[in-house]
mmCIF file of all heavy atoms, coordinates in Angstrom:
data_MODEL
# 
_entry.id   MODEL 
# 
loop_
_atom_site.group_PDB 
_atom_site.id 
_atom_site.type_symbol 
_atom_site.label_atom_id 
_atom_site.label_alt_id 
_atom_site.label_comp_id 
_atom_site.label_asym_id 
_atom_site.label_entity_id 
_atom_site.label_seq_id 
_atom_site.pdbx_PDB_ins_code 
_atom_site.Cartn_x 
_atom_site.Cartn_y 
_atom_site.Cartn_z 
_atom_site.occupancy 
_atom_site.B_iso_or_equiv 
_atom_site.pdbx_formal_charge 
_atom_site.auth_seq_id 
_atom_site.auth_comp_id 
_atom_site.auth_asym_id 
_atom_site.auth_atom_id 
_atom_site.pdbx_PDB_model_num 
ATOM 1   N N   . LYS A 1 1  ? 0.847  -1.196 0.016  1.00 0.00 ? 1  LYS A N   1 
ATOM 2   C CA  . LYS A 1 1  ? 0.011  0.003  0.013  1.00 0.00 ? 1  LYS A CA  1 
ATOM 3   C C   . LYS A 1 1  ? 0.889  1.257  0.008  1.00 0.00 ? 1  LYS A C   1 
ATOM 4   O O   . LYS A 1 1  ? 2.104  1.167  0.201  1.00 0.00 ? 1  LYS A O   1 
ATOM 5   C CB  . LYS A 1 1  ? -0.886 0.030  1.251  1.00 0.00 ? 1  LYS A CB  1 
ATOM 6   C CG  . LYS A 1 1  ? -1.972 -1.019 1.289  1.00 0.00 ? 1  LYS A CG  1 
ATOM 7   C CD  . LYS A 1 1  ? -2.830 -0.800 2.547  1.00 0.00 ? 1  LYS A CD  1 
ATOM 8   C CE  . LYS A 1 1  ? -3.991 -1.764 2.592  1.00 0.00 ? 1  LYS A CE  1 
ATOM 9   N NZ  . LYS A 1 1  ? -4.825 -1.555 3.808  1.00 0.00 ? 1  LYS A NZ  1 
ATOM 10  N N   . ALA A 1 2  ? 0.250  2.371  -0.183 1.00 0.00 ? 2  ALA A N   1 
ATOM 11  C CA  . ALA A 1 2  ? 0.952  3.671  -0.046 1.00 0.00 ? 2  ALA A CA  1 
ATOM 12  C C   . ALA A 1 2  ? 1.254  3.898  1.429  1.00 0.00 ? 2  ALA A C   1 
ATOM 13  O O   . ALA A 1 2  ? 0.390  3.537  2.283  1.00 0.00 ? 2  ALA A O   1 
ATOM 14  C CB  . ALA A 1 2  ? 0.130  4.808  -0.608 1.00 0.00 ? 2  ALA A CB  1 
ATOM 15  N N   . PRO A 1 3  ? 2.391  4.428  1.778  1.00 0.00 ? 3  PRO A N   1 
ATOM 16  C CA  . PRO A 1 3  ? 2.697  4.662  3.170  1.00 0.00 ? 3  PRO A CA  1 
ATOM 17  C C   . PRO A 1 3  ? 1.735  5.641  3.827  1.00 0.00 ? 3  PRO A C   1 
ATOM 18  O O   . PRO A 1 3  ? 1.258  6.620  3.190  1.00 0.00 ? 3  PRO A O   1 
ATOM 19  C CB  . PRO A 1 3  ? 4.153  5.274  3.128  1.00 0.00 ? 3  PRO A CB  1 
ATOM 20  C CG  . PRO A 1 3  ? 4.680  4.904  1.831  1.00 0.00 ? 3  PRO A CG  1 
ATOM 21  C CD  . PRO A 1 3  ? 3.504  4.841  0.917  1.00 0.00 ? 3  PRO A CD  1 
ATOM 22  N N   . VAL A 1 4  ? 1.465  5.404  5.100  1.00 0.00 ? 4  VAL A N   1 
ATOM 23  C CA  . VAL A 1 4  ? 0.585  6.360  5.856  1.00 0.00 ? 4  VAL A CA  1 
ATOM 24  C C   . VAL A 1 4  ? 1.366  7.589  6.238  1.00 0.00 ? 4  VAL A C   1 
ATOM 25  O O   . VAL A 1 4  ? 0.797  8.580  6.638  1.00 0.00 ? 4  VAL A O   1 
ATOM 26  C CB  . VAL A 1 4  ? -0.022 5.687  7.091  1.00 0.00 ? 4  VAL A CB  1 
ATOM 27  C CG1 . VAL A 1 4  ? -0.977 4.553  6.724  1.00 0.00 ? 4  VAL A CG1 1 
ATOM 28  C CG2 . VAL A 1 4  ? 1.097  5.167  8.055  1.00 0.00 ? 4  VAL A CG2 1 
ATOM 29  N N   . GLN A 1 5  ? 2.680  7.479  6.159  1.00 0.00 ? 5  GLN A N   1 
ATOM 30  C CA  . GLN A 1 5  ? 3.537  8.623  6.508  1.00 0.00 ? 5  GLN A CA  1 
ATOM 31  C C   . GLN A 1 5  ? 4.738  8.622  5.578  1.00 0.00 ? 5  GLN A C   1 
ATOM 32  O O   . GLN A 1 5  ? 5.543  7.638  5.539  1.00 0.00 ? 5  GLN A O   1 
ATOM 33  C CB  . GLN A 1 5  ? 4.012  8.571  7.959  1.00 0.00 ? 5  GLN A CB  1 
ATOM 34  C CG  . GLN A 1 5  ? 4.889  9.744  8.374  1.00 0.00 ? 5  GLN A CG  1 
ATOM 35  C CD  . GLN A 1 5  ? 5.310  9.606  9.828  1.00 0.00 ? 5  GLN A CD  1 
ATOM 36  O OE1 . GLN A 1 5  ? 5.373  8.492  10.395 1.00 0.00 ? 5  GLN A OE1 1 
ATOM 37  N NE2 . GLN A 1 5  ? 5.689  10.722 10.456 1.00 0.00 ? 5  GLN A NE2 1 
ATOM 38  N N   . THR A 1 6  ? 4.913  9.655  4.785  1.00 0.00 ? 6  THR A N   1 
ATOM 39  C CA  . THR A 1 6  ? 6.016  9.770  3.869  1.00 0.00 ? 6  THR A CA  1 
ATOM 40  C C   . THR A 1 6  ? 6.864  10.945 4.274  1.00 0.00 ? 6  THR A C   1 
ATOM 41  O O   . THR A 1 6  ? 6.365  12.081 4.365  1.00 0.00 ? 6  THR A O   1 
ATOM 42  C CB  . THR A 1 6  ? 5.580  9.981  2.402  1.00 0.00 ? 6  THR A CB  1 
ATOM 43  O OG1 . THR A 1 6  ? 4.739  8.845  2.055  1.00 0.00 ? 6  THR A OG1 1 
ATOM 44  C CG2 . THR A 1 6  ? 6.756  10.016 1.492  1.00 0.00 ? 6  THR A CG2 1 
ATOM 45  N N   . PRO A 1 7  ? 8.145  10.738 4.578  1.00 0.00 ? 7  PRO A N   1 
ATOM 46  C CA  . PRO A 1 7  ? 8.985  11.846 5.031  1.00 0.00 ? 7  PRO A CA  1 
ATOM 47  C C   . PRO A 1 7  ? 9.280  12.843 3.959  1.00 0.00 ? 7  PRO A C   1 
ATOM 48  O O   . PRO A 1 7  ? 9.370  12.523 2.771  1.00 0.00 ? 7  PRO A O   1 
ATOM 49  C CB  . PRO A 1 7  ? 10.223 11.136 5.524  1.00 0.00 ? 7  PRO A CB  1 
ATOM 50  C CG  . PRO A 1 7  ? 10.332 9.916  4.696  1.00 0.00 ? 7  PRO A CG  1 
ATOM 51  C CD  . PRO A 1 7  ? 8.907  9.507  4.446  1.00 0.00 ? 7  PRO A CD  1 
ATOM 52  N N   . ASP A 1 8  ? 9.515  14.111 4.356  1.00 0.00 ? 8  ASP A N   1 
ATOM 53  C CA  . ASP A 1 8  ? 9.986  15.111 3.491  1.00 0.00 ? 8  ASP A CA  1 
ATOM 54  C C   . ASP A 1 8  ? 11.271 15.709 4.010  1.00 0.00 ? 8  ASP A C   1 
ATOM 55  O O   . ASP A 1 8  ? 11.806 15.235 5.050  1.00 0.00 ? 8  ASP A O   1 
ATOM 56  C CB  . ASP A 1 8  ? 8.909  16.212 3.266  1.00 0.00 ? 8  ASP A CB  1 
ATOM 57  C CG  . ASP A 1 8  ? 8.488  16.869 4.589  1.00 0.00 ? 8  ASP A CG  1 
ATOM 58  O OD1 . ASP A 1 8  ? 9.271  16.786 5.549  1.00 0.00 ? 8  ASP A OD1 1 
ATOM 59  O OD2 . ASP A 1 8  ? 7.395  17.422 4.615  1.00 0.00 ? 8  ASP A OD2 1 
ATOM 60  N N   . GLU A 1 9  ? 11.796 16.717 3.325  1.00 0.00 ? 9  GLU A N   1 
ATOM 61  C CA  . GLU A 1 9  ? 13.103 17.247 3.707  1.00 0.00 ? 9  GLU A CA  1 
ATOM 62  C C   . GLU A 1 9  ? 13.086 17.832 5.148  1.00 0.00 ? 9  GLU A C   1 
ATOM 63  O O   . GLU A 1 9  ? 14.106 17.774 5.828  1.00 0.00 ? 9  GLU A O   1 
ATOM 64  C CB  . GLU A 1 9  ? 13.447 18.366 2.705  1.00 0.00 ? 9  GLU A CB  1 
ATOM 65  C CG  . GLU A 1 9  ? 14.851 18.895 2.845  1.00 0.00 ? 9  GLU A CG  1 
ATOM 66  C CD  . GLU A 1 9  ? 15.203 19.869 1.716  1.00 0.00 ? 9  GLU A CD  1 
ATOM 67  O OE1 . GLU A 1 9  ? 14.382 20.038 0.829  1.00 0.00 ? 9  GLU A OE1 1 
ATOM 68  O OE2 . GLU A 1 9  ? 16.337 20.465 1.745  1.00 0.00 ? 9  GLU A OE2 1 
ATOM 69  N N   . SER A 1 10 ? 11.955 18.354 5.583  1.00 0.00 ? 10 SER A N   1 
ATOM 70  C CA  . SER A 1 10 ? 11.919 18.944 6.893  1.00 0.00 ? 10 SER A CA  1 
ATOM 71  C C   . SER A 1 10 ? 12.140 17.979 8.011  1.00 0.00 ? 10 SER A C   1 
ATOM 72  O O   . SER A 1 10 ? 12.775 18.321 9.025  1.00 0.00 ? 10 SER A O   1 
ATOM 73  C CB  . SER A 1 10 ? 10.535 19.646 7.086  1.00 0.00 ? 10 SER A CB  1 
ATOM 74  O OG  . SER A 1 10 ? 9.470  18.655 7.115  1.00 0.00 ? 10 SER A OG  1 
ATOM 75  N N   . VAL A 1 11 ? 11.725 16.704 7.869  1.00 0.00 ? 11 VAL A N   1 
ATOM 76  C CA  . VAL A 1 11 ? 11.932 15.723 8.893  1.00 0.00 ? 11 VAL A CA  1 
ATOM 77  C C   . VAL A 1 11 ? 13.431 15.468 9.117  1.00 0.00 ? 11 VAL A C   1 
ATOM 78  O O   . VAL A 1 11 ? 13.912 15.450 10.266 1.00 0.00 ? 11 VAL A O   1 
ATOM 79  C CB  . VAL A 1 11 ? 11.221 14.396 8.534  1.00 0.00 ? 11 VAL A CB  1 
ATOM 80  C CG1 . VAL A 1 11 ? 11.490 13.345 9.598  1.00 0.00 ? 11 VAL A CG1 1 
ATOM 81  C CG2 . VAL A 1 11 ? 9.711  14.645 8.425  1.00 0.00 ? 11 VAL A CG2 1 
ATOM 82  N N   . GLY A 1 12 ? 14.158 15.305 8.052  1.00 0.00 ? 12 GLY A N   1 
ATOM 83  C CA  . GLY A 1 12 ? 15.606 15.116 8.179  1.00 0.00 ? 12 GLY A CA  1 
ATOM 84  C C   . GLY A 1 12 ? 16.284 16.250 8.866  1.00 0.00 ? 12 GLY A C   1 
ATOM 85  O O   . GLY A 1 12 ? 17.151 16.083 9.711  1.00 0.00 ? 12 GLY A O   1 
ATOM 86  N N   . ALA A 1 13 ? 15.907 17.495 8.507  1.00 0.00 ? 13 ALA A N   1 
ATOM 87  C CA  . ALA A 1 13 ? 16.460 18.685 9.150  1.00 0.00 ? 13 ALA A CA  1 
ATOM 88  C C   . ALA A 1 13 ? 16.153 18.732 10.624 1.00 0.00 ? 13 ALA A C   1 
ATOM 89  O O   . ALA A 1 13 ? 16.993 19.007 11.452 1.00 0.00 ? 13 ALA A O   1 
ATOM 90  C CB  . ALA A 1 13 ? 15.922 19.934 8.429  1.00 0.00 ? 13 ALA A CB  1 
ATOM 91  N N   . GLU A 1 14 ? 14.884 18.394 10.971 1.00 0.00 ? 14 GLU A N   1 
ATOM 92  C CA  . GLU A 1 14 ? 14.515 18.380 12.413 1.00 0.00 ? 14 GLU A CA  1 
ATOM 93  C C   . GLU A 1 14 ? 15.292 17.339 13.184 1.00 0.00 ? 14 GLU A C   1 
ATOM 94  O O   . GLU A 1 14 ? 15.799 17.609 14.274 1.00 0.00 ? 14 GLU A O   1 
ATOM 95  C CB  . GLU A 1 14 ? 12.991 18.047 12.520 1.00 0.00 ? 14 GLU A CB  1 
ATOM 96  C CG  . GLU A 1 14 ? 12.107 19.159 12.042 1.00 0.00 ? 14 GLU A CG  1 
ATOM 97  C CD  . GLU A 1 14 ? 10.640 18.728 11.987 1.00 0.00 ? 14 GLU A CD  1 
ATOM 98  O OE1 . GLU A 1 14 ? 10.317 17.674 12.633 1.00 0.00 ? 14 GLU A OE1 1 
ATOM 99  O OE2 . GLU A 1 14 ? 9.816  19.383 11.344 1.00 0.00 ? 14 GLU A OE2 1 
ATOM 100 N N   . LEU A 1 15 ? 15.409 16.132 12.636 1.00 0.00 ? 15 LEU A N   1 
ATOM 101 C CA  . LEU A 1 15 ? 16.071 15.089 13.341 1.00 0.00 ? 15 LEU A CA  1 
ATOM 102 C C   . LEU A 1 15 ? 17.594 15.398 13.442 1.00 0.00 ? 15 LEU A C   1 
ATOM 103 O O   . LEU A 1 15 ? 18.203 15.129 14.468 1.00 0.00 ? 15 LEU A O   1 
ATOM 104 C CB  . LEU A 1 15 ? 15.898 13.745 12.583 1.00 0.00 ? 15 LEU A CB  1 
ATOM 105 C CG  . LEU A 1 15 ? 14.449 13.191 12.633 1.00 0.00 ? 15 LEU A CG  1 
ATOM 106 C CD1 . LEU A 1 15 ? 14.368 11.926 11.762 1.00 0.00 ? 15 LEU A CD1 1 
ATOM 107 C CD2 . LEU A 1 15 ? 14.030 12.880 14.060 1.00 0.00 ? 15 LEU A CD2 1 
ATOM 108 N N   . SER A 1 16 ? 18.188 15.986 12.427 1.00 0.00 ? 16 SER A N   1 
ATOM 109 C CA  . SER A 1 16 ? 19.599 16.346 12.491 1.00 0.00 ? 16 SER A CA  1 
ATOM 110 C C   . SER A 1 16 ? 19.831 17.343 13.535 1.00 0.00 ? 16 SER A C   1 
ATOM 111 O O   . SER A 1 16 ? 20.864 17.295 14.313 1.00 0.00 ? 16 SER A O   1 
ATOM 112 C CB  . SER A 1 16 ? 20.061 16.889 11.131 1.00 0.00 ? 16 SER A CB  1 
ATOM 113 O OG  . SER A 1 16 ? 20.022 15.907 10.154 1.00 0.00 ? 16 SER A OG  1 
ATOM 114 N N   . LEU A 1 17 ? 18.945 18.324 13.695 1.00 0.00 ? 17 LEU A N   1 
ATOM 115 C CA  . LEU A 1 17 ? 19.057 19.359 14.705 1.00 0.00 ? 17 LEU A CA  1 
ATOM 116 C C   . LEU A 1 17 ? 18.922 18.734 16.081 1.00 0.00 ? 17 LEU A C   1 
ATOM 117 O O   . LEU A 1 17 ? 19.685 19.127 17.029 1.00 0.00 ? 17 LEU A O   1 
ATOM 118 C CB  . LEU A 1 17 ? 17.997 20.466 14.481 1.00 0.00 ? 17 LEU A CB  1 
ATOM 119 C CG  . LEU A 1 17 ? 18.166 21.744 15.335 1.00 0.00 ? 17 LEU A CG  1 
ATOM 120 C CD1 . LEU A 1 17 ? 19.503 22.403 14.985 1.00 0.00 ? 17 LEU A CD1 1 
ATOM 121 C CD2 . LEU A 1 17 ? 16.988 22.679 15.074 1.00 0.00 ? 17 LEU A CD2 1 
ATOM 122 N N   . CYS A 1 18 ? 17.925 17.845 16.245 1.00 0.00 ? 18 CYS A N   1 
ATOM 123 C CA  . CYS A 1 18 ? 17.754 17.170 17.531 1.00 0.00 ? 18 CYS A CA  1 
ATOM 124 C C   . CYS A 1 18 ? 19.051 16.433 17.912 1.00 0.00 ? 18 CYS A C   1 
ATOM 125 O O   . CYS A 1 18 ? 19.529 16.498 19.050 1.00 0.00 ? 18 CYS A O   1 
ATOM 126 C CB  . CYS A 1 18 ? 16.616 16.170 17.478 1.00 0.00 ? 18 CYS A CB  1 
ATOM 127 S SG  . CYS A 1 18 ? 14.962 16.942 17.586 1.00 0.00 ? 18 CYS A SG  1 
ATOM 128 N N   . ARG A 1 19 ? 19.573 15.647 16.939 1.00 0.00 ? 19 ARG A N   1 
ATOM 129 C CA  . ARG A 1 19 ? 20.804 14.859 17.192 1.00 0.00 ? 19 ARG A CA  1 
ATOM 130 C C   . ARG A 1 19 ? 21.956 15.788 17.600 1.00 0.00 ? 19 ARG A C   1 
ATOM 131 O O   . ARG A 1 19 ? 22.729 15.422 18.506 1.00 0.00 ? 19 ARG A O   1 
ATOM 132 C CB  . ARG A 1 19 ? 21.144 14.074 15.944 1.00 0.00 ? 19 ARG A CB  1 
ATOM 133 C CG  . ARG A 1 19 ? 22.310 13.136 16.130 1.00 0.00 ? 19 ARG A CG  1 
ATOM 134 C CD  . ARG A 1 19 ? 22.495 12.209 14.948 1.00 0.00 ? 19 ARG A CD  1 
ATOM 135 N NE  . ARG A 1 19 ? 22.797 12.931 13.692 1.00 0.00 ? 19 ARG A NE  1 
ATOM 136 C CZ  . ARG A 1 19 ? 22.973 12.346 12.520 1.00 0.00 ? 19 ARG A CZ  1 
ATOM 137 N NH1 . ARG A 1 19 ? 22.877 11.041 12.409 1.00 0.00 ? 19 ARG A NH1 1 
ATOM 138 N NH2 . ARG A 1 19 ? 23.274 13.048 11.455 1.00 0.00 ? 19 ARG A NH2 1 
ATOM 139 N N   . ARG A 1 20 ? 22.046 16.941 16.945 1.00 0.00 ? 20 ARG A N   1 
ATOM 140 C CA  . ARG A 1 20 ? 23.108 17.857 17.295 1.00 0.00 ? 20 ARG A CA  1 
ATOM 141 C C   . ARG A 1 20 ? 22.994 18.377 18.703 1.00 0.00 ? 20 ARG A C   1 
ATOM 142 O O   . ARG A 1 20 ? 23.951 18.350 19.494 1.00 0.00 ? 20 ARG A O   1 
ATOM 143 C CB  . ARG A 1 20 ? 23.082 19.047 16.329 1.00 0.00 ? 20 ARG A CB  1 
ATOM 144 C CG  . ARG A 1 20 ? 24.105 20.125 16.643 1.00 0.00 ? 20 ARG A CG  1 
ATOM 145 C CD  . ARG A 1 20 ? 24.037 21.287 15.642 1.00 0.00 ? 20 ARG A CD  1 
ATOM 146 N NE  . ARG A 1 20 ? 24.863 22.385 16.062 1.00 0.00 ? 20 ARG A NE  1 
ATOM 147 C CZ  . ARG A 1 20 ? 24.499 23.630 16.081 1.00 0.00 ? 20 ARG A CZ  1 
ATOM 148 N NH1 . ARG A 1 20 ? 23.304 23.977 15.673 1.00 0.00 ? 20 ARG A NH1 1 
ATOM 149 N NH2 . ARG A 1 20 ? 25.326 24.585 16.462 1.00 0.00 ? 20 ARG A NH2 1 
ATOM 150 N N   . TYR A 1 21 ? 21.801 18.780 19.155 1.00 0.00 ? 21 TYR A N   1 
ATOM 151 C CA  . TYR A 1 21 ? 21.596 19.244 20.462 1.00 0.00 ? 21 TYR A CA  1 
ATOM 152 C C   . TYR A 1 21 ? 21.789 18.155 21.530 1.00 0.00 ? 21 TYR A C   1 
ATOM 153 O O   . TYR A 1 21 ? 22.323 18.416 22.623 1.00 0.00 ? 21 TYR A O   1 
ATOM 154 C CB  . TYR A 1 21 ? 20.217 19.899 20.627 1.00 0.00 ? 21 TYR A CB  1 
ATOM 155 C CG  . TYR A 1 21 ? 20.176 21.329 20.100 1.00 0.00 ? 21 TYR A CG  1 
ATOM 156 C CD1 . TYR A 1 21 ? 19.363 21.639 18.986 1.00 0.00 ? 21 TYR A CD1 1 
ATOM 157 C CD2 . TYR A 1 21 ? 20.936 22.320 20.651 1.00 0.00 ? 21 TYR A CD2 1 
ATOM 158 C CE1 . TYR A 1 21 ? 19.347 22.942 18.499 1.00 0.00 ? 21 TYR A CE1 1 
ATOM 159 C CE2 . TYR A 1 21 ? 20.924 23.620 20.174 1.00 0.00 ? 21 TYR A CE2 1 
ATOM 160 C CZ  . TYR A 1 21 ? 20.131 23.925 19.072 1.00 0.00 ? 21 TYR A CZ  1 
ATOM 161 O OH  . TYR A 1 21 ? 20.117 25.201 18.577 1.00 0.00 ? 21 TYR A OH  1 
ATOM 162 N N   . HIS A 1 22 ? 21.365 16.945 21.178 1.00 0.00 ? 22 HIS A N   1 
ATOM 163 C CA  . HIS A 1 22 ? 21.561 15.837 22.119 1.00 0.00 ? 22 HIS A CA  1 
ATOM 164 C C   . HIS A 1 22 ? 23.019 15.564 22.327 1.00 0.00 ? 22 HIS A C   1 
ATOM 165 O O   . HIS A 1 22 ? 23.504 15.299 23.434 1.00 0.00 ? 22 HIS A O   1 
ATOM 166 C CB  . HIS A 1 22 ? 20.848 14.584 21.615 1.00 0.00 ? 22 HIS A CB  1 
ATOM 167 C CG  . HIS A 1 22 ? 19.384 14.685 21.677 1.00 0.00 ? 22 HIS A CG  1 
ATOM 168 N ND1 . HIS A 1 22 ? 18.534 13.590 21.573 1.00 0.00 ? 22 HIS A ND1 1 
ATOM 169 C CD2 . HIS A 1 22 ? 18.560 15.740 21.922 1.00 0.00 ? 22 HIS A CD2 1 
ATOM 170 C CE1 . HIS A 1 22 ? 17.301 13.928 21.683 1.00 0.00 ? 22 HIS A CE1 1 
ATOM 171 N NE2 . HIS A 1 22 ? 17.269 15.248 21.854 1.00 0.00 ? 22 HIS A NE2 1 
ATOM 172 N N   . GLY A 1 23 ? 23.805 15.599 21.209 1.00 0.00 ? 23 GLY A N   1 
ATOM 173 C CA  . GLY A 1 23 ? 25.228 15.400 21.309 1.00 0.00 ? 23 GLY A CA  1 
ATOM 174 C C   . GLY A 1 23 ? 25.909 16.470 22.143 1.00 0.00 ? 23 GLY A C   1 
ATOM 175 O O   . GLY A 1 23 ? 26.805 16.204 22.992 1.00 0.00 ? 23 GLY A O   1 
ATOM 176 N N   . MET A 1 24 ? 25.498 17.722 21.961 1.00 0.00 ? 24 MET A N   1 
ATOM 177 C CA  . MET A 1 24 ? 26.027 18.816 22.792 1.00 0.00 ? 24 MET A CA  1 
ATOM 178 C C   . MET A 1 24 ? 25.727 18.640 24.257 1.00 0.00 ? 24 MET A C   1 
ATOM 179 O O   . MET A 1 24 ? 26.571 18.882 25.100 1.00 0.00 ? 24 MET A O   1 
ATOM 180 C CB  . MET A 1 24 ? 25.479 20.164 22.288 1.00 0.00 ? 24 MET A CB  1 
ATOM 181 C CG  . MET A 1 24 ? 25.965 20.587 20.937 1.00 0.00 ? 24 MET A CG  1 
ATOM 182 S SD  . MET A 1 24 ? 25.015 21.977 20.222 1.00 0.00 ? 24 MET A SD  1 
ATOM 183 C CE  . MET A 1 24 ? 25.162 23.232 21.495 1.00 0.00 ? 24 MET A CE  1 
ATOM 184 N N   . ALA A 1 25 ? 24.524 18.214 24.530 1.00 0.00 ? 25 ALA A N   1 
ATOM 185 C CA  . ALA A 1 25 ? 24.094 18.014 25.943 1.00 0.00 ? 25 ALA A CA  1 
ATOM 186 C C   . ALA A 1 25 ? 24.937 16.874 26.596 1.00 0.00 ? 25 ALA A C   1 
ATOM 187 O O   . ALA A 1 25 ? 25.411 17.015 27.717 1.00 0.00 ? 25 ALA A O   1 
ATOM 188 C CB  . ALA A 1 25 ? 22.602 17.653 26.016 1.00 0.00 ? 25 ALA A CB  1 
ATOM 189 N N   . GLU A 1 26 ? 25.116 15.824 25.855 1.00 0.00 ? 26 GLU A N   1 
ATOM 190 C CA  . GLU A 1 26 ? 25.967 14.729 26.401 1.00 0.00 ? 26 GLU A CA  1 
ATOM 191 C C   . GLU A 1 26 ? 27.362 15.150 26.722 1.00 0.00 ? 26 GLU A C   1 
ATOM 192 O O   . GLU A 1 26 ? 27.958 14.849 27.758 1.00 0.00 ? 26 GLU A O   1 
ATOM 193 C CB  . GLU A 1 26 ? 25.975 13.521 25.397 1.00 0.00 ? 26 GLU A CB  1 
ATOM 194 C CG  . GLU A 1 26 ? 26.711 12.337 25.914 1.00 0.00 ? 26 GLU A CG  1 
ATOM 195 C CD  . GLU A 1 26 ? 26.782 11.175 24.960 1.00 0.00 ? 26 GLU A CD  1 
ATOM 196 O OE1 . GLU A 1 26 ? 26.251 11.324 23.835 1.00 0.00 ? 26 GLU A OE1 1 
ATOM 197 O OE2 . GLU A 1 26 ? 27.313 10.147 25.329 1.00 0.00 ? 26 GLU A OE2 1 
# 
């Protein structure tokens, strides 16, 4: 079937930013 959720460019940017802040916090 067609996916119920298809990612776009914004998702990757959001996740990359989260990963960056998490790394800084650690």
